[in-house]
Amino acid sequence: MADIKKIATRESYGAALAEFGEKYDIIVMDADLSKSTKTDTFKKKFPERFINCGIAEASMLSAAAGLATCGKIVFASSFAMFAAGRAFEQIRNSICYPKLNVKIGATHAGISVGEDGATHQCLEDIGIMRTLPNMVILNPADDTEAKAAVEAAIKHEGPVYLRFGRLAVPVLYDDTYKFELGKGVQLKEGNDVTLVATGLLVETALNAAELLKQEGINARVINIHTIKPIDKEIITKASLETGAIVTCEEHNVIGGLGSAVAEVLCENAPCALQRIGTQDVFGRSGKPNELFEIYGLTAEAIRDAAKKAIALKK
């Protein structure tokens, strides 16, 4: 993959804000992390529409809610750990309850934050945000999808939680890609098992499908960029046609994509299910690739889980 262009989705987020700032009247807020969240790109271009709230996430989200009541589209940014964790009450009561037009740009999600360690490796944010009525959750897989997700968030009326990563990842889509909020994307056909992935693990799932192909197993690969509302139709169809599903996410298997897919399957089309993700544990300091190995977020781990799911359906 060395010859494939790689871009961190947090970079894509910053670039998208600066680009769409010309087209849409958006306001961007940050909790004193603009160089890391990449909102400084917007700040340099539109300083009059950028507000640094300091290290005060709860106050930032409250202020964002206030601006939204005045008809503004507001992006409030911080690390996922602080955006989802430190300001939950404000997101719940001041943004989701009145269904205000606040978009939360959460960067540095997952264990791919690496050396920053367990305190900064947010593996619970999707689960937290999924519990909130009126909240939409977007978890893009690459640069193209991240930029499209930002515009989709702008156009959506109501709260949106956008999850971005620190680690540079391959660009999977070209400029012809059409992003549809709430719609999953099938990337590869297969009838033996379905790999349902989100975010950074979409590319890993595609690699796992190639490993399975070498063993004569045809894996369908689906990218779920919108975790809430999740595409029930594409998941139900995959269950009925393949009878085995493996979910793949850089998040705790409790509350994240694995839970969301399990809920759809139980209510619509039960089948053999395996969940790849962190197994109800905290992260630890280390290089991203080393952590992927430790926590089983690899193509090989997905391959093995797929074979187990296939065995369970027989």
C-alpha atoms as a PDB file:
ATOM      1  CA  MET A   1       0.000   0.000   0.000  1.00  0.00           C
ATOM      2  CA  ALA A   2       3.084   2.255  -0.016  1.00  0.00           C
ATOM      3  CA  ASP A   3       2.186   3.759  -3.413  1.00  0.00           C
ATOM      4  CA  ILE A   4      -1.360   4.634  -2.334  1.00  0.00           C
ATOM      5  CA  LYS A   5      -2.037   8.147  -1.096  1.00  0.00           C
ATOM      6  CA  LYS A   6      -2.702   8.312   2.632  1.00  0.00           C
ATOM      7  CA  ILE A   7      -4.446  11.142   4.486  1.00  0.00           C
ATOM      8  CA  ALA A   8      -5.662  11.355   8.093  1.00  0.00           C
ATOM      9  CA  THR A   9      -9.391  12.061   8.228  1.00  0.00           C
ATOM     10  CA  ARG A  10      -8.752  14.869  10.726  1.00  0.00           C
ATOM     11  CA  GLU A  11      -6.807  16.584   7.913  1.00  0.00           C
ATOM     12  CA  SER A  12      -9.771  16.031   5.613  1.00  0.00           C
ATOM     13  CA  TYR A  13     -12.067  17.555   8.223  1.00  0.00           C
ATOM     14  CA  GLY A  14     -10.019  20.746   8.432  1.00  0.00           C
ATOM     15  CA  ALA A  15      -9.750  21.031   4.657  1.00  0.00           C
ATOM     16  CA  ALA A  16     -13.498  20.468   4.236  1.00  0.00           C
ATOM     17  CA  LEU A  17     -14.398  23.177   6.750  1.00  0.00           C
ATOM     18  CA  ALA A  18     -12.197  25.672   4.909  1.00  0.00           C
ATOM     19  CA  GLU A  19     -13.649  24.649   1.556  1.00  0.00           C
ATOM     20  CA  PHE A  20     -17.304  24.656   2.584  1.00  0.00           C
ATOM     21  CA  GLY A  21     -16.845  27.862   4.557  1.00  0.00           C
ATOM     22  CA  GLU A  22     -17.024  29.644   1.210  1.00  0.00           C
ATOM     23  CA  LYS A  23     -20.307  27.967   0.291  1.00  0.00           C
ATOM     24  CA  TYR A  24     -22.059  27.828   3.658  1.00  0.00           C
ATOM     25  CA  ASP A  25     -22.351  30.317   6.513  1.00  0.00           C
ATOM     26  CA  ILE A  26     -20.850  28.045   9.163  1.00  0.00           C
ATOM     27  CA  ILE A  27     -19.204  28.929  12.469  1.00  0.00           C
ATOM     28  CA  VAL A  28     -16.342  26.818  13.814  1.00  0.00           C
ATOM     29  CA  MET A  29     -15.481  26.528  17.506  1.00  0.00           C
ATOM     30  CA  ASP A  30     -12.558  24.715  19.117  1.00  0.00           C
ATOM     31  CA  ALA A  31     -11.396  23.865  22.636  1.00  0.00           C
ATOM     32  CA  ASP A  32      -7.828  25.134  22.225  1.00  0.00           C
ATOM     33  CA  LEU A  33      -6.802  22.210  20.019  1.00  0.00           C
ATOM     34  CA  SER A  34      -7.177  23.760  16.575  1.00  0.00           C
ATOM     35  CA  LYS A  35      -3.713  22.721  15.359  1.00  0.00           C
ATOM     36  CA  SER A  36      -4.469  19.104  16.233  1.00  0.00           C
ATOM     37  CA  THR A  37      -8.106  19.014  15.125  1.00  0.00           C
ATOM     38  CA  LYS A  38      -7.052  20.947  11.996  1.00  0.00           C
ATOM     39  CA  THR A  39      -9.732  23.587  12.436  1.00  0.00           C
ATOM     40  CA  ASP A  40      -6.887  26.109  12.249  1.00  0.00           C
ATOM     41  CA  THR A  41      -7.218  25.761   8.462  1.00  0.00           C
ATOM     42  CA  PHE A  42     -10.660  27.338   8.734  1.00  0.00           C
ATOM     43  CA  LYS A  43      -9.395  29.848  11.306  1.00  0.00           C
ATOM     44  CA  LYS A  44      -6.757  31.209   8.928  1.00  0.00           C
ATOM     45  CA  LYS A  45      -9.288  31.591   6.135  1.00  0.00           C
ATOM     46  CA  PHE A  46     -12.282  32.842   8.118  1.00  0.00           C
ATOM     47  CA  PRO A  47     -10.996  34.298  11.424  1.00  0.00           C
ATOM     48  CA  GLU A  48     -14.218  36.240  11.977  1.00  0.00           C
ATOM     49  CA  ARG A  49     -16.178  32.962  12.061  1.00  0.00           C
ATOM     50  CA  PHE A  50     -13.821  31.027  14.314  1.00  0.00           C
ATOM     51  CA  ILE A  51     -14.056  30.963  18.127  1.00  0.00           C
ATOM     52  CA  ASN A  52     -11.423  29.448  20.409  1.00  0.00           C
ATOM     53  CA  CYS A  53     -13.289  28.545  23.600  1.00  0.00           C
ATOM     54  CA  GLY A  54     -10.220  27.402  25.519  1.00  0.00           C
ATOM     55  CA  ILE A  55      -9.984  24.129  27.414  1.00  0.00           C
ATOM     56  CA  ALA A  56     -13.666  24.228  28.331  1.00  0.00           C
ATOM     57  CA  GLU A  57     -15.569  21.697  26.260  1.00  0.00           C
ATOM     58  CA  ALA A  58     -18.817  21.921  28.224  1.00  0.00           C
ATOM     59  CA  SER A  59     -18.888  25.690  27.827  1.00  0.00           C
ATOM     60  CA  MET A  60     -18.062  25.349  24.130  1.00  0.00           C
ATOM     61  CA  LEU A  61     -20.996  23.018  23.475  1.00  0.00           C
ATOM     62  CA  SER A  62     -23.335  25.255  25.454  1.00  0.00           C
ATOM     63  CA  ALA A  63     -22.199  28.270  23.441  1.00  0.00           C
ATOM     64  CA  ALA A  64     -22.607  26.281  20.223  1.00  0.00           C
ATOM     65  CA  ALA A  65     -26.183  25.513  21.234  1.00  0.00           C
ATOM     66  CA  GLY A  66     -26.804  29.201  21.868  1.00  0.00           C
ATOM     67  CA  LEU A  67     -25.521  30.164  18.427  1.00  0.00           C
ATOM     68  CA  ALA A  68     -27.647  27.438  16.848  1.00  0.00           C
ATOM     69  CA  THR A  69     -30.793  28.899  18.427  1.00  0.00           C
ATOM     70  CA  CYS A  70     -29.976  32.061  16.449  1.00  0.00           C
ATOM     71  CA  GLY A  71     -30.035  30.123  13.192  1.00  0.00           C
ATOM     72  CA  LYS A  72     -26.323  29.383  12.873  1.00  0.00           C
ATOM     73  CA  ILE A  73     -24.744  26.115  11.705  1.00  0.00           C
ATOM     74  CA  VAL A  74     -22.008  25.432  14.242  1.00  0.00           C
ATOM     75  CA  PHE A  75     -19.096  22.972  14.217  1.00  0.00           C
ATOM     76  CA  ALA A  76     -17.658  22.402  17.704  1.00  0.00           C
ATOM     77  CA  SER A  77     -14.369  20.507  17.732  1.00  0.00           C
ATOM     78  CA  SER A  78     -12.152  18.673  20.183  1.00  0.00           C
ATOM     79  CA  PHE A  79     -10.631  15.235  20.707  1.00  0.00           C
ATOM     80  CA  ALA A  80     -13.275  12.493  20.805  1.00  0.00           C
ATOM     81  CA  MET A  81     -12.470  11.733  24.441  1.00  0.00           C
ATOM     82  CA  PHE A  82     -13.309  15.281  25.485  1.00  0.00           C
ATOM     83  CA  ALA A  83     -16.045  16.051  22.957  1.00  0.00           C
ATOM     84  CA  ALA A  84     -18.111  12.975  23.821  1.00  0.00           C
ATOM     85  CA  GLY A  85     -17.016  12.436  27.409  1.00  0.00           C
ATOM     86  CA  ARG A  86     -16.517  15.788  29.036  1.00  0.00           C
ATOM     87  CA  ALA A  87     -19.555  17.530  27.533  1.00  0.00           C
ATOM     88  CA  PHE A  88     -22.171  14.759  27.521  1.00  0.00           C
ATOM     89  CA  GLU A  89     -24.710  16.663  29.632  1.00  0.00           C
ATOM     90  CA  GLN A  90     -24.525  19.724  27.390  1.00  0.00           C
ATOM     91  CA  ILE A  91     -24.840  17.600  24.247  1.00  0.00           C
ATOM     92  CA  ARG A  92     -27.839  15.777  25.697  1.00  0.00           C
ATOM     93  CA  ASN A  93     -29.784  18.656  27.246  1.00  0.00           C
ATOM     94  CA  SER A  94     -28.713  21.707  25.245  1.00  0.00           C
ATOM     95  CA  ILE A  95     -28.244  20.208  21.757  1.00  0.00           C
ATOM     96  CA  CYS A  96     -30.050  16.899  21.247  1.00  0.00           C
ATOM     97  CA  TYR A  97     -33.151  17.593  23.350  1.00  0.00           C
ATOM     98  CA  PRO A  98     -34.052  20.762  21.383  1.00  0.00           C
ATOM     99  CA  LYS A  99     -32.586  19.193  18.184  1.00  0.00           C
ATOM    100  CA  LEU A 100     -30.264  22.087  17.420  1.00  0.00           C
ATOM    101  CA  ASN A 101     -28.025  22.450  14.390  1.00  0.00           C
ATOM    102  CA  VAL A 102     -24.706  21.703  16.125  1.00  0.00           C
ATOM    103  CA  LYS A 103     -22.128  19.453  14.485  1.00  0.00           C
ATOM    104  CA  ILE A 104     -19.523  17.881  16.769  1.00  0.00           C
ATOM    105  CA  GLY A 105     -16.193  17.325  15.043  1.00  0.00           C
ATOM    106  CA  ALA A 106     -14.482  14.684  17.184  1.00  0.00           C
ATOM    107  CA  THR A 107     -10.903  13.900  16.190  1.00  0.00           C
ATOM    108  CA  HIS A 108      -8.262  11.510  17.586  1.00  0.00           C
ATOM    109  CA  ALA A 109     -10.737   8.658  18.075  1.00  0.00           C
ATOM    110  CA  GLY A 110      -9.755   5.039  18.688  1.00  0.00           C
ATOM    111  CA  ILE A 111      -6.490   3.308  19.581  1.00  0.00           C
ATOM    112  CA  SER A 112      -4.805   4.653  16.440  1.00  0.00           C
ATOM    113  CA  VAL A 113      -4.073   7.766  18.524  1.00  0.00           C
ATOM    114  CA  GLY A 114      -1.176   5.519  19.564  1.00  0.00           C
ATOM    115  CA  GLU A 115       1.371   6.844  22.017  1.00  0.00           C
ATOM    116  CA  ASP A 116      -1.119   9.225  23.655  1.00  0.00           C
ATOM    117  CA  GLY A 117      -2.361   6.189  25.570  1.00  0.00           C
ATOM    118  CA  ALA A 118      -5.561   4.973  27.179  1.00  0.00           C
ATOM    119  CA  THR A 119      -6.752   8.331  28.523  1.00  0.00           C
ATOM    120  CA  HIS A 120      -6.903   9.785  25.004  1.00  0.00           C
ATOM    121  CA  GLN A 121      -7.865   6.655  23.026  1.00  0.00           C
ATOM    122  CA  CYS A 122     -11.629   7.054  23.002  1.00  0.00           C
ATOM    123  CA  LEU A 123     -13.234   3.675  22.397  1.00  0.00           C
ATOM    124  CA  GLU A 124     -16.637   4.492  23.869  1.00  0.00           C
ATOM    125  CA  ASP A 125     -17.812   7.605  22.004  1.00  0.00           C
ATOM    126  CA  ILE A 126     -20.031   5.904  19.422  1.00  0.00           C
ATOM    127  CA  GLY A 127     -21.805   4.000  22.195  1.00  0.00           C
ATOM    128  CA  ILE A 128     -22.324   7.210  24.168  1.00  0.00           C
ATOM    129  CA  MET A 129     -23.661   9.139  21.190  1.00  0.00           C
ATOM    130  CA  ARG A 130     -25.895   6.276  20.013  1.00  0.00           C
ATOM    131  CA  THR A 131     -27.963   6.571  23.187  1.00  0.00           C
ATOM    132  CA  LEU A 132     -29.000  10.141  22.373  1.00  0.00           C
ATOM    133  CA  PRO A 133     -32.278  10.792  20.518  1.00  0.00           C
ATOM    134  CA  ASN A 134     -31.950  13.095  17.463  1.00  0.00           C
ATOM    135  CA  MET A 135     -28.199  12.418  17.127  1.00  0.00           C
ATOM    136  CA  VAL A 136     -26.713  11.330  13.784  1.00  0.00           C
ATOM    137  CA  ILE A 137     -23.313   9.580  13.860  1.00  0.00           C
ATOM    138  CA  LEU A 138     -20.906   9.657  10.889  1.00  0.00           C
ATOM    139  CA  ASN A 139     -17.649   7.676  10.869  1.00  0.00           C
ATOM    140  CA  PRO A 140     -15.914   8.142   7.483  1.00  0.00           C
ATOM    141  CA  ALA A 141     -13.362   5.694   6.128  1.00  0.00           C
ATOM    142  CA  ASP A 142     -11.107   7.962   4.089  1.00  0.00           C
ATOM    143  CA  ASP A 143     -10.368  11.484   2.854  1.00  0.00           C
ATOM    144  CA  THR A 144     -13.090  11.544   0.190  1.00  0.00           C
ATOM    145  CA  GLU A 145     -15.745  10.217   2.528  1.00  0.00           C
ATOM    146  CA  ALA A 146     -14.696  12.537   5.365  1.00  0.00           C
ATOM    147  CA  LYS A 147     -15.123  15.629   3.214  1.00  0.00           C
ATOM    148  CA  ALA A 148     -18.468  14.385   1.925  1.00  0.00           C
ATOM    149  CA  ALA A 149     -19.575  13.669   5.490  1.00  0.00           C
ATOM    150  CA  VAL A 150     -18.853  17.264   6.513  1.00  0.00           C
ATOM    151  CA  GLU A 151     -21.093  18.616   3.757  1.00  0.00           C
ATOM    152  CA  ALA A 152     -23.779  16.057   4.582  1.00  0.00           C
ATOM    153  CA  ALA A 153     -23.637  17.237   8.203  1.00  0.00           C
ATOM    154  CA  ILE A 154     -24.037  20.849   7.104  1.00  0.00           C
ATOM    155  CA  LYS A 155     -27.109  19.993   5.049  1.00  0.00           C
ATOM    156  CA  HIS A 156     -28.676  17.867   7.790  1.00  0.00           C
ATOM    157  CA  GLU A 157     -31.048  19.679  10.124  1.00  0.00           C
ATOM    158  CA  GLY A 158     -30.085  18.668  13.662  1.00  0.00           C
ATOM    159  CA  PRO A 159     -27.156  17.360  15.730  1.00  0.00           C
ATOM    160  CA  VAL A 160     -24.391  15.355  14.069  1.00  0.00           C
ATOM    161  CA  TYR A 161     -21.395  13.612  15.639  1.00  0.00           C
ATOM    162  CA  LEU A 162     -18.500  13.211  13.188  1.00  0.00           C
ATOM    163  CA  ARG A 163     -15.659  10.863  14.118  1.00  0.00           C
ATOM    164  CA  PHE A 164     -12.196  11.446  12.673  1.00  0.00           C
ATOM    165  CA  GLY A 165      -8.805   9.798  13.141  1.00  0.00           C
ATOM    166  CA  ARG A 166      -5.228  10.946  13.667  1.00  0.00           C
ATOM    167  CA  LEU A 167      -3.569   8.192  11.635  1.00  0.00           C
ATOM    168  CA  ALA A 168      -3.095   8.646   7.875  1.00  0.00           C
ATOM    169  CA  VAL A 169      -5.200   6.078   5.986  1.00  0.00           C
ATOM    170  CA  PRO A 170      -5.430   5.103   2.289  1.00  0.00           C
ATOM    171  CA  VAL A 171      -7.809   7.018   0.029  1.00  0.00           C
ATOM    172  CA  LEU A 172     -10.375   4.423  -1.044  1.00  0.00           C
ATOM    173  CA  TYR A 173     -12.762   6.544  -3.101  1.00  0.00           C
ATOM    174  CA  ASP A 174     -12.323   8.899  -6.032  1.00  0.00           C
ATOM    175  CA  ASP A 175     -14.178  12.131  -6.792  1.00  0.00           C
ATOM    176  CA  THR A 176     -17.129  10.253  -8.335  1.00  0.00           C
ATOM    177  CA  TYR A 177     -18.084   8.807  -4.937  1.00  0.00           C
ATOM    178  CA  LYS A 178     -21.615   9.669  -3.842  1.00  0.00           C
ATOM    179  CA  PHE A 179     -22.148   9.934  -0.094  1.00  0.00           C
ATOM    180  CA  GLU A 180     -25.694   9.306   1.145  1.00  0.00           C
ATOM    181  CA  LEU A 181     -26.393   9.850   4.813  1.00  0.00           C
ATOM    182  CA  GLY A 182     -27.915   6.708   6.323  1.00  0.00           C
ATOM    183  CA  LYS A 183     -26.939   4.461   3.402  1.00  0.00           C
ATOM    184  CA  GLY A 184     -24.304   1.738   3.624  1.00  0.00           C
ATOM    185  CA  VAL A 185     -21.955   1.110   0.702  1.00  0.00           C
ATOM    186  CA  GLN A 186     -21.216  -2.344  -0.679  1.00  0.00           C
ATOM    187  CA  LEU A 187     -17.572  -2.413  -1.772  1.00  0.00           C
ATOM    188  CA  LYS A 188     -17.210  -6.067  -2.680  1.00  0.00           C
ATOM    189  CA  GLU A 189     -19.619  -8.847  -3.667  1.00  0.00           C
ATOM    190  CA  GLY A 190     -19.589 -12.211  -1.904  1.00  0.00           C
ATOM    191  CA  ASN A 191     -22.039 -14.872  -0.741  1.00  0.00           C
ATOM    192  CA  ASP A 192     -20.122 -16.821   1.922  1.00  0.00           C
ATOM    193  CA  VAL A 193     -19.813 -14.153   4.624  1.00  0.00           C
ATOM    194  CA  THR A 194     -20.273 -10.397   5.027  1.00  0.00           C
ATOM    195  CA  LEU A 195     -17.695  -8.068   6.548  1.00  0.00           C
ATOM    196  CA  VAL A 196     -19.447  -4.945   7.865  1.00  0.00           C
ATOM    197  CA  ALA A 197     -16.857  -2.279   8.639  1.00  0.00           C
ATOM    198  CA  THR A 198     -16.682   1.367   9.610  1.00  0.00           C
ATOM    199  CA  GLY A 199     -14.013   4.063   9.677  1.00  0.00           C
ATOM    200  CA  LEU A 200     -10.384   3.018   9.685  1.00  0.00           C
ATOM    201  CA  LEU A 201     -11.226  -0.699   9.553  1.00  0.00           C
ATOM    202  CA  VAL A 202     -12.926  -0.511   6.147  1.00  0.00           C
ATOM    203  CA  GLU A 203      -9.563  -0.860   4.421  1.00  0.00           C
ATOM    204  CA  THR A 204      -8.620  -3.660   6.846  1.00  0.00           C
ATOM    205  CA  ALA A 205     -11.842  -5.492   5.988  1.00  0.00           C
ATOM    206  CA  LEU A 206     -11.032  -5.242   2.278  1.00  0.00           C
ATOM    207  CA  ASN A 207      -7.613  -6.758   2.980  1.00  0.00           C
ATOM    208  CA  ALA A 208      -9.278  -9.532   4.997  1.00  0.00           C
ATOM    209  CA  ALA A 209     -11.560 -10.278   2.034  1.00  0.00           C
ATOM    210  CA  GLU A 210      -8.464 -10.825  -0.105  1.00  0.00           C
ATOM    211  CA  LEU A 211      -7.048 -13.243   2.477  1.00  0.00           C
ATOM    212  CA  LEU A 212     -10.337 -15.143   2.500  1.00  0.00           C
ATOM    213  CA  LYS A 213     -10.381 -15.267  -1.292  1.00  0.00           C
ATOM    214  CA  GLN A 214      -7.051 -17.101  -1.181  1.00  0.00           C
ATOM    215  CA  GLU A 215      -8.848 -19.817   0.798  1.00  0.00           C
ATOM    216  CA  GLY A 216     -11.752 -20.001  -1.619  1.00  0.00           C
ATOM    217  CA  ILE A 217     -14.108 -17.922   0.556  1.00  0.00           C
ATOM    218  CA  ASN A 218     -15.992 -15.045  -1.075  1.00  0.00           C
ATOM    219  CA  ALA A 219     -16.594 -12.236   1.372  1.00  0.00           C
ATOM    220  CA  ARG A 220     -18.996  -9.378   0.828  1.00  0.00           C
ATOM    221  CA  VAL A 221     -17.653  -6.073   2.211  1.00  0.00           C
ATOM    222  CA  ILE A 222     -19.942  -3.276   3.358  1.00  0.00           C
ATOM    223  CA  ASN A 223     -18.886   0.158   4.579  1.00  0.00           C
ATOM    224  CA  ILE A 224     -21.206   1.636   7.212  1.00  0.00           C
ATOM    225  CA  HIS A 225     -20.243   5.305   7.366  1.00  0.00           C
ATOM    226  CA  THR A 226     -23.510   6.291   9.065  1.00  0.00           C
ATOM    227  CA  ILE A 227     -23.764   4.346  12.315  1.00  0.00           C
ATOM    228  CA  LYS A 228     -26.920   6.174  13.332  1.00  0.00           C
ATOM    229  CA  PRO A 229     -29.343   5.952  11.605  1.00  0.00           C
ATOM    230  CA  ILE A 230     -27.882   2.646  10.428  1.00  0.00           C
ATOM    231  CA  ASP A 231     -28.827   1.145   7.065  1.00  0.00           C
ATOM    232  CA  LYS A 232     -31.065  -1.724   8.190  1.00  0.00           C
ATOM    233  CA  GLU A 233     -31.871  -2.748   4.636  1.00  0.00           C
ATOM    234  CA  ILE A 234     -28.314  -3.472   3.510  1.00  0.00           C
ATOM    235  CA  ILE A 235     -27.539  -5.398   6.719  1.00  0.00           C
ATOM    236  CA  THR A 236     -30.728  -7.457   6.572  1.00  0.00           C
ATOM    237  CA  LYS A 237     -30.085  -8.306   2.928  1.00  0.00           C
ATOM    238  CA  ALA A 238     -26.516  -9.370   3.745  1.00  0.00           C
ATOM    239  CA  SER A 239     -27.772 -11.614   6.536  1.00  0.00           C
ATOM    240  CA  LEU A 240     -30.340 -13.317   4.344  1.00  0.00           C
ATOM    241  CA  GLU A 241     -27.926 -13.798   1.432  1.00  0.00           C
ATOM    242  CA  THR A 242     -24.728 -14.794   3.258  1.00  0.00           C
ATOM    243  CA  GLY A 243     -25.938 -16.072   6.643  1.00  0.00           C
ATOM    244  CA  ALA A 244     -22.794 -14.902   8.447  1.00  0.00           C
ATOM    245  CA  ILE A 245     -21.592 -11.427   9.421  1.00  0.00           C
ATOM    246  CA  VAL A 246     -18.434 -10.004  10.985  1.00  0.00           C
ATOM    247  CA  THR A 247     -18.489  -6.414  12.242  1.00  0.00           C
ATOM    248  CA  CYS A 248     -15.207  -4.476  12.202  1.00  0.00           C
ATOM    249  CA  GLU A 249     -14.600  -1.280  14.176  1.00  0.00           C
ATOM    250  CA  GLU A 250     -11.936   0.689  16.034  1.00  0.00           C
ATOM    251  CA  HIS A 251     -14.216   0.944  19.070  1.00  0.00           C
ATOM    252  CA  ASN A 252     -15.471  -1.163  21.939  1.00  0.00           C
ATOM    253  CA  VAL A 253     -17.663  -3.983  20.641  1.00  0.00           C
ATOM    254  CA  ILE A 254     -20.147  -2.908  23.328  1.00  0.00           C
ATOM    255  CA  GLY A 255     -22.267  -0.019  22.134  1.00  0.00           C
ATOM    256  CA  GLY A 256     -20.601   0.530  18.763  1.00  0.00           C
ATOM    257  CA  LEU A 257     -21.116  -0.871  15.275  1.00  0.00           C
ATOM    258  CA  GLY A 258     -21.192  -4.445  16.563  1.00  0.00           C
ATOM    259  CA  SER A 259     -24.070  -3.658  18.899  1.00  0.00           C
ATOM    260  CA  ALA A 260     -25.926  -1.664  16.247  1.00  0.00           C
ATOM    261  CA  VAL A 261     -25.674  -4.498  13.708  1.00  0.00           C
ATOM    262  CA  ALA A 262     -26.649  -7.110  16.326  1.00  0.00           C
ATOM    263  CA  GLU A 263     -29.803  -5.127  17.091  1.00  0.00           C
ATOM    264  CA  VAL A 264     -30.758  -5.020  13.410  1.00  0.00           C
ATOM    265  CA  LEU A 265     -30.134  -8.741  12.985  1.00  0.00           C
ATOM    266  CA  CYS A 266     -32.084  -9.779  16.093  1.00  0.00           C
ATOM    267  CA  GLU A 267     -35.117  -7.796  14.974  1.00  0.00           C
ATOM    268  CA  ASN A 268     -35.034  -8.583  11.260  1.00  0.00           C
ATOM    269  CA  ALA A 269     -32.844 -11.484  10.157  1.00  0.00           C
ATOM    270  CA  PRO A 270     -30.834 -13.387  12.809  1.00  0.00           C
ATOM    271  CA  CYS A 271     -27.612 -15.008  11.599  1.00  0.00           C
ATOM    272  CA  ALA A 272     -24.144 -16.046  12.792  1.00  0.00           C
ATOM    273  CA  LEU A 273     -22.314 -12.942  14.056  1.00  0.00           C
ATOM    274  CA  GLN A 274     -18.754 -12.212  15.158  1.00  0.00           C
ATOM    275  CA  ARG A 275     -17.556  -8.799  16.359  1.00  0.00           C
ATOM    276  CA  ILE A 276     -14.076  -7.394  15.750  1.00  0.00           C
ATOM    277  CA  GLY A 277     -13.209  -4.431  17.980  1.00  0.00           C
ATOM    278  CA  THR A 278     -11.752  -3.824  21.415  1.00  0.00           C
ATOM    279  CA  GLN A 279     -13.242  -6.390  23.764  1.00  0.00           C
ATOM    280  CA  ASP A 280     -14.509  -4.228  26.639  1.00  0.00           C
ATOM    281  CA  VAL A 281     -11.023  -3.057  27.601  1.00  0.00           C
ATOM    282  CA  PHE A 282      -9.131   0.228  27.699  1.00  0.00           C
ATOM    283  CA  GLY A 283      -6.340   1.039  25.265  1.00  0.00           C
ATOM    284  CA  ARG A 284      -2.645   1.445  26.048  1.00  0.00           C
ATOM    285  CA  SER A 285       0.309   3.447  24.799  1.00  0.00           C
ATOM    286  CA  GLY A 286       2.080   2.156  21.728  1.00  0.00           C
ATOM    287  CA  LYS A 287       2.526   2.554  17.991  1.00  0.00           C
ATOM    288  CA  PRO A 288      -0.776   2.202  16.093  1.00  0.00           C
ATOM    289  CA  ASN A 289       0.192  -0.905  14.117  1.00  0.00           C
ATOM    290  CA  GLU A 290       1.445  -2.622  17.262  1.00  0.00           C
ATOM    291  CA  LEU A 291      -1.830  -1.814  19.014  1.00  0.00           C
ATOM    292  CA  PHE A 292      -3.865  -3.179  16.117  1.00  0.00           C
ATOM    293  CA  GLU A 293      -2.042  -6.479  16.592  1.00  0.00           C
ATOM    294  CA  ILE A 294      -2.500  -6.482  20.366  1.00  0.00           C
ATOM    295  CA  TYR A 295      -6.222  -5.748  20.165  1.00  0.00           C
ATOM    296  CA  GLY A 296      -6.964  -7.956  17.158  1.00  0.00           C
ATOM    297  CA  LEU A 297      -7.847  -5.220  14.699  1.00  0.00           C
ATOM    298  CA  THR A 298      -6.061  -6.817  11.753  1.00  0.00           C
ATOM    299  CA  ALA A 299      -6.982  -8.430   8.450  1.00  0.00           C
ATOM    300  CA  GLU A 300      -5.867 -11.782   9.851  1.00  0.00           C
ATOM    301  CA  ALA A 301      -8.139 -11.433  12.884  1.00  0.00           C
ATOM    302  CA  ILE A 302     -11.075 -10.523  10.647  1.00  0.00           C
ATOM    303  CA  ARG A 303     -10.312 -13.516   8.410  1.00  0.00           C
ATOM    304  CA  ASP A 304     -10.338 -15.873  11.383  1.00  0.00           C
ATOM    305  CA  ALA A 305     -13.571 -14.366  12.712  1.00  0.00           C
ATOM    306  CA  ALA A 306     -15.166 -14.774   9.286  1.00  0.00           C
ATOM    307  CA  LYS A 307     -14.250 -18.455   9.182  1.00  0.00           C
ATOM    308  CA  LYS A 308     -15.726 -18.902  12.663  1.00  0.00           C
ATOM    309  CA  ALA A 309     -18.942 -17.172  11.621  1.00  0.00           C
ATOM    310  CA  ILE A 310     -19.200 -19.411   8.558  1.00  0.00           C
ATOM    311  CA  ALA A 311     -18.716 -22.506  10.745  1.00  0.00           C
ATOM    312  CA  LEU A 312     -21.477 -21.339  13.079  1.00  0.00           C
ATOM    313  CA  LYS A 313     -24.049 -21.077  10.319  1.00  0.00           C
ATOM    314  CA  LYS A 314     -23.657 -24.716   9.306  1.00  0.00           C
END
